[in-house]
Structures are given as C-alpha cells and as structure tokens.
Amino acid sequence: MGATWTDPNGLQDYHNVRVCYQHNSEQLALQGDPQPDGSWMYTNADGTVHTISAERASKFMEQTQQNATLMMDMLSKLQSTGQFTPPVDTEAQPA
C-alpha cells in the first residue's frame, strides 16, 4: 500500500508501507550477554538478534526471585511435615 505525489516538475515522491516478518525472543535474549545500558542481547547463528530492555529484564529477575523464594518456603514446609524427600540421583542399568 502506498501513495505517490507528483510535484509541478513531474518528480515523484513515493510513500509505501512495507509489511515484514520480525521475531524477537526475550527468553533467548536473556541467554545472551548483558549490554552497557542494562538490556540483554543474544545473536543466533543465522545473525538474528534478540533483545530485552533493561526494565523488562529487571522485572523478570524480580519475579523469578519472588517465585524462587515462594518455592523454597513450600519445600521447607513439605520437608517439615515429612511429605517431601529430596530426589536421589541414580542411573538405570539395562536389563
């Protein structure tokens, strides 16, 4: 979609709207590197860059900390009532 203006001298000025596919994964960005402004950036092998702003990264970190604290409290209560035992790592042997 677009529009074209023609001036009195016959010169044209084009204004077109272009639709393109854009993909940005904040989850991938957090697997990348912190940037000087506090944002995070990850670049795929194909050159696609994924970013997350400093503000959104900070909010994610705060929420993750709250969730981890809540989970630790839940695990402590389960352990104190004997309803939870830590898993034991083992390897299965083929029969």
N, C-alpha and C. Protein backbone atom coordinates (compact mmCIF):
# COMPACT_ATOMS: atom_id res chain seq x y z
N MET A 1 0.86 -1.15 0.00
CA MET A 1 0.00 0.00 0.00
C MET A 1 0.91 1.22 0.00
N GLY A 2 0.53 2.23 -0.71
CA GLY A 2 1.34 3.41 -0.76
C GLY A 2 0.65 4.56 -1.44
N ALA A 3 1.35 5.64 -1.50
CA ALA A 3 0.84 6.84 -2.16
C ALA A 3 2.00 7.50 -2.90
N THR A 4 1.68 8.13 -4.00
CA THR A 4 2.69 8.83 -4.79
C THR A 4 2.24 10.26 -5.03
N TRP A 5 3.13 11.20 -4.75
CA TRP A 5 2.87 12.61 -5.04
C TRP A 5 3.78 13.03 -6.19
N THR A 6 3.21 13.79 -7.08
CA THR A 6 3.98 14.32 -8.21
C THR A 6 4.02 15.83 -8.08
N ASP A 7 5.25 16.39 -8.07
CA ASP A 7 5.36 17.84 -7.95
C ASP A 7 5.17 18.51 -9.31
N PRO A 8 5.10 19.83 -9.34
CA PRO A 8 4.86 20.54 -10.62
C PRO A 8 5.90 20.24 -11.69
N ASN A 9 7.09 19.81 -11.30
CA ASN A 9 8.13 19.50 -12.28
C ASN A 9 8.08 18.05 -12.75
N GLY A 10 7.11 17.28 -12.26
CA GLY A 10 6.97 15.89 -12.67
C GLY A 10 7.74 14.89 -11.82
N LEU A 11 8.44 15.39 -10.81
CA LEU A 11 9.19 14.49 -9.92
C LEU A 11 8.23 13.85 -8.93
N GLN A 12 8.44 12.57 -8.69
CA GLN A 12 7.52 11.84 -7.82
C GLN A 12 8.14 11.54 -6.46
N ASP A 13 7.28 11.54 -5.47
CA ASP A 13 7.65 11.23 -4.09
C ASP A 13 6.79 10.04 -3.67
N TYR A 14 7.44 8.90 -3.38
CA TYR A 14 6.73 7.67 -3.03
C TYR A 14 6.71 7.49 -1.52
N HIS A 15 5.57 7.08 -1.01
CA HIS A 15 5.42 6.72 0.40
C HIS A 15 4.71 5.38 0.44
N ASN A 16 5.46 4.32 0.74
CA ASN A 16 4.92 2.98 0.72
C ASN A 16 5.02 2.34 2.10
N VAL A 17 4.04 1.54 2.40
CA VAL A 17 4.05 0.76 3.64
C VAL A 17 4.51 -0.65 3.28
N ARG A 18 5.49 -1.14 4.03
CA ARG A 18 6.02 -2.47 3.79
C ARG A 18 5.73 -3.34 5.02
N VAL A 19 5.24 -4.54 4.79
CA VAL A 19 4.98 -5.48 5.87
C VAL A 19 6.10 -6.53 5.83
N CYS A 20 6.70 -6.77 7.01
CA CYS A 20 7.76 -7.77 7.06
C CYS A 20 7.64 -8.58 8.34
N TYR A 21 8.24 -9.75 8.33
CA TYR A 21 8.24 -10.64 9.49
C TYR A 21 9.37 -10.22 10.43
N GLN A 22 9.05 -10.13 11.72
CA GLN A 22 10.06 -9.80 12.71
C GLN A 22 9.87 -10.74 13.90
N HIS A 23 10.98 -11.31 14.38
CA HIS A 23 10.92 -12.22 15.51
C HIS A 23 11.92 -11.76 16.55
N ASN A 24 11.45 -11.54 17.78
CA ASN A 24 12.32 -11.18 18.89
C ASN A 24 11.90 -12.03 20.08
N SER A 25 12.82 -12.85 20.59
CA SER A 25 12.54 -13.70 21.75
C SER A 25 13.27 -13.14 22.97
N GLU A 26 12.48 -12.63 23.94
CA GLU A 26 13.10 -12.13 25.16
C GLU A 26 13.74 -13.27 25.95
N GLN A 27 13.18 -14.46 25.84
CA GLN A 27 13.76 -15.63 26.51
C GLN A 27 15.16 -15.92 25.96
N LEU A 28 15.32 -15.87 24.64
CA LEU A 28 16.65 -16.06 24.05
C LEU A 28 17.58 -14.91 24.45
N ALA A 29 17.05 -13.70 24.47
CA ALA A 29 17.87 -12.53 24.82
C ALA A 29 18.51 -12.72 26.20
N LEU A 30 17.74 -13.29 27.14
CA LEU A 30 18.27 -13.49 28.50
C LEU A 30 19.36 -14.56 28.55
N GLN A 31 19.50 -15.35 27.49
CA GLN A 31 20.57 -16.34 27.41
C GLN A 31 21.83 -15.72 26.80
N GLY A 32 21.72 -14.47 26.37
CA GLY A 32 22.83 -13.78 25.74
C GLY A 32 23.69 -13.04 26.73
N ASP A 33 24.09 -11.85 26.34
CA ASP A 33 25.02 -11.06 27.15
C ASP A 33 24.38 -9.75 27.60
N PRO A 34 24.70 -9.32 28.83
CA PRO A 34 24.20 -8.02 29.29
C PRO A 34 24.88 -6.91 28.49
N GLN A 35 24.12 -5.86 28.23
CA GLN A 35 24.62 -4.72 27.48
C GLN A 35 24.91 -3.56 28.44
N PRO A 36 25.72 -2.59 28.04
CA PRO A 36 26.07 -1.48 28.93
C PRO A 36 24.86 -0.71 29.49
N ASP A 37 23.75 -0.70 28.73
CA ASP A 37 22.57 0.03 29.20
C ASP A 37 21.66 -0.82 30.08
N GLY A 38 22.08 -2.06 30.40
CA GLY A 38 21.29 -2.93 31.26
C GLY A 38 20.38 -3.89 30.51
N SER A 39 20.27 -3.71 29.21
CA SER A 39 19.48 -4.64 28.40
C SER A 39 20.30 -5.90 28.16
N TRP A 40 19.67 -6.90 27.53
CA TRP A 40 20.35 -8.15 27.20
C TRP A 40 20.19 -8.42 25.73
N MET A 41 21.20 -9.06 25.12
CA MET A 41 21.15 -9.33 23.69
C MET A 41 21.76 -10.69 23.38
N TYR A 42 21.10 -11.42 22.48
CA TYR A 42 21.57 -12.72 22.02
C TYR A 42 21.51 -12.71 20.50
N THR A 43 22.53 -13.24 19.86
CA THR A 43 22.55 -13.34 18.40
C THR A 43 22.59 -14.80 18.00
N ASN A 44 21.58 -15.24 17.22
CA ASN A 44 21.53 -16.61 16.70
C ASN A 44 22.67 -16.84 15.72
N ALA A 45 22.91 -18.10 15.41
CA ALA A 45 23.94 -18.46 14.43
C ALA A 45 23.63 -17.84 13.06
N ASP A 46 22.34 -17.64 12.76
CA ASP A 46 21.96 -17.06 11.46
C ASP A 46 22.01 -15.53 11.46
N GLY A 47 22.43 -14.93 12.59
CA GLY A 47 22.57 -13.48 12.67
C GLY A 47 21.36 -12.76 13.23
N THR A 48 20.29 -13.48 13.54
CA THR A 48 19.11 -12.84 14.13
C THR A 48 19.43 -12.38 15.55
N VAL A 49 19.12 -11.13 15.83
CA VAL A 49 19.41 -10.55 17.14
C VAL A 49 18.13 -10.51 17.97
N HIS A 50 18.21 -10.98 19.20
CA HIS A 50 17.08 -10.96 20.14
C HIS A 50 17.47 -10.08 21.31
N THR A 51 16.56 -9.20 21.74
CA THR A 51 16.86 -8.27 22.82
C THR A 51 15.73 -8.21 23.84
N ILE A 52 16.09 -7.76 25.04
CA ILE A 52 15.10 -7.45 26.07
C ILE A 52 15.61 -6.18 26.75
N SER A 53 14.71 -5.25 27.02
CA SER A 53 15.10 -3.98 27.62
C SER A 53 15.56 -4.18 29.05
N ALA A 54 16.30 -3.22 29.57
CA ALA A 54 16.78 -3.28 30.95
C ALA A 54 15.60 -3.35 31.91
N GLU A 55 14.56 -2.59 31.64
CA GLU A 55 13.39 -2.57 32.51
C GLU A 55 12.70 -3.93 32.55
N ARG A 56 12.49 -4.54 31.39
CA ARG A 56 11.81 -5.84 31.35
C ARG A 56 12.69 -6.94 31.94
N ALA A 57 14.00 -6.87 31.72
CA ALA A 57 14.92 -7.86 32.30
C ALA A 57 14.91 -7.75 33.83
N SER A 58 14.90 -6.53 34.34
CA SER A 58 14.86 -6.31 35.78
C SER A 58 13.57 -6.85 36.39
N LYS A 59 12.44 -6.61 35.73
CA LYS A 59 11.16 -7.12 36.23
C LYS A 59 11.15 -8.65 36.21
N PHE A 60 11.72 -9.25 35.16
CA PHE A 60 11.80 -10.70 35.09
C PHE A 60 12.63 -11.25 36.25
N MET A 61 13.77 -10.62 36.53
CA MET A 61 14.63 -11.06 37.62
C MET A 61 13.92 -10.95 38.97
N GLU A 62 13.19 -9.84 39.18
CA GLU A 62 12.46 -9.66 40.44
C GLU A 62 11.39 -10.75 40.59
N GLN A 63 10.63 -11.03 39.53
CA GLN A 63 9.58 -12.03 39.59
C GLN A 63 10.17 -13.43 39.81
N THR A 64 11.29 -13.71 39.16
CA THR A 64 11.95 -15.01 39.33
C THR A 64 12.41 -15.18 40.77
N GLN A 65 12.95 -14.13 41.37
CA GLN A 65 13.38 -14.19 42.77
C GLN A 65 12.20 -14.44 43.70
N GLN A 66 11.08 -13.75 43.44
CA GLN A 66 9.89 -13.96 44.26
C GLN A 66 9.40 -15.40 44.15
N ASN A 67 9.38 -15.94 42.92
CA ASN A 67 8.93 -17.31 42.71
C ASN A 67 9.86 -18.31 43.40
N ALA A 68 11.16 -18.06 43.33
CA ALA A 68 12.13 -18.96 43.96
C ALA A 68 11.98 -18.94 45.48
N THR A 69 11.74 -17.76 46.04
CA THR A 69 11.55 -17.64 47.49
C THR A 69 10.30 -18.40 47.92
N LEU A 70 9.22 -18.23 47.16
CA LEU A 70 7.99 -18.94 47.46
C LEU A 70 8.19 -20.45 47.37
N MET A 71 8.89 -20.91 46.33
CA MET A 71 9.13 -22.34 46.17
C MET A 71 9.95 -22.88 47.34
N MET A 72 10.96 -22.17 47.76
CA MET A 72 11.80 -22.63 48.88
C MET A 72 10.97 -22.73 50.16
N ASP A 73 10.08 -21.77 50.39
CA ASP A 73 9.19 -21.84 51.56
C ASP A 73 8.28 -23.07 51.48
N MET A 74 7.75 -23.34 50.27
CA MET A 74 6.89 -24.51 50.09
C MET A 74 7.66 -25.80 50.36
N LEU A 75 8.87 -25.91 49.83
CA LEU A 75 9.68 -27.11 50.04
C LEU A 75 10.01 -27.30 51.52
N SER A 76 10.31 -26.21 52.22
CA SER A 76 10.61 -26.30 53.65
C SER A 76 9.41 -26.84 54.43
N LYS A 77 8.22 -26.36 54.08
CA LYS A 77 7.01 -26.83 54.78
C LYS A 77 6.76 -28.31 54.48
N LEU A 78 6.95 -28.71 53.23
CA LEU A 78 6.78 -30.12 52.88
C LEU A 78 7.78 -31.00 53.61
N GLN A 79 9.04 -30.54 53.70
CA GLN A 79 10.06 -31.33 54.41
C GLN A 79 9.74 -31.42 55.89
N SER A 80 9.26 -30.32 56.48
CA SER A 80 8.97 -30.33 57.93
C SER A 80 7.80 -31.24 58.27
N THR A 81 6.92 -31.49 57.32
CA THR A 81 5.78 -32.40 57.56
C THR A 81 6.06 -33.80 57.05
N GLY A 82 7.25 -34.03 56.50
CA GLY A 82 7.63 -35.35 56.02
C GLY A 82 6.99 -35.73 54.69
N GLN A 83 6.42 -34.76 54.00
CA GLN A 83 5.74 -35.05 52.73
C GLN A 83 6.67 -34.92 51.53
N PHE A 84 7.91 -34.55 51.78
CA PHE A 84 8.85 -34.36 50.67
C PHE A 84 10.20 -34.92 51.06
N THR A 85 10.75 -35.73 50.19
CA THR A 85 12.12 -36.17 50.37
C THR A 85 12.87 -35.81 49.10
N PRO A 86 14.06 -35.29 49.24
CA PRO A 86 14.82 -34.90 48.05
C PRO A 86 15.03 -36.09 47.12
N PRO A 87 14.98 -35.88 45.82
CA PRO A 87 15.21 -36.98 44.89
C PRO A 87 16.64 -37.52 45.00
N VAL A 88 16.79 -38.79 44.70
CA VAL A 88 18.10 -39.43 44.72
C VAL A 88 18.54 -39.64 43.28
N ASP A 89 19.71 -39.17 42.94
CA ASP A 89 20.24 -39.37 41.60
C ASP A 89 20.74 -40.81 41.47
N THR A 90 20.34 -41.44 40.40
CA THR A 90 20.80 -42.79 40.12
C THR A 90 20.77 -43.02 38.61
N GLU A 91 21.50 -44.01 38.17
CA GLU A 91 21.49 -44.35 36.76
C GLU A 91 20.83 -45.70 36.59
N ALA A 92 19.95 -45.79 35.60
CA ALA A 92 19.27 -47.06 35.32
C ALA A 92 20.21 -47.98 34.55
N GLN A 93 20.19 -49.22 34.92
CA GLN A 93 21.01 -50.23 34.23
C GLN A 93 20.10 -51.04 33.31
N PRO A 94 20.51 -51.25 32.06
CA PRO A 94 19.68 -52.05 31.17
C PRO A 94 19.59 -53.50 31.67
N ALA A 95 18.43 -54.12 31.43
CA ALA A 95 18.20 -55.49 31.88
C ALA A 95 18.91 -56.50 31.02
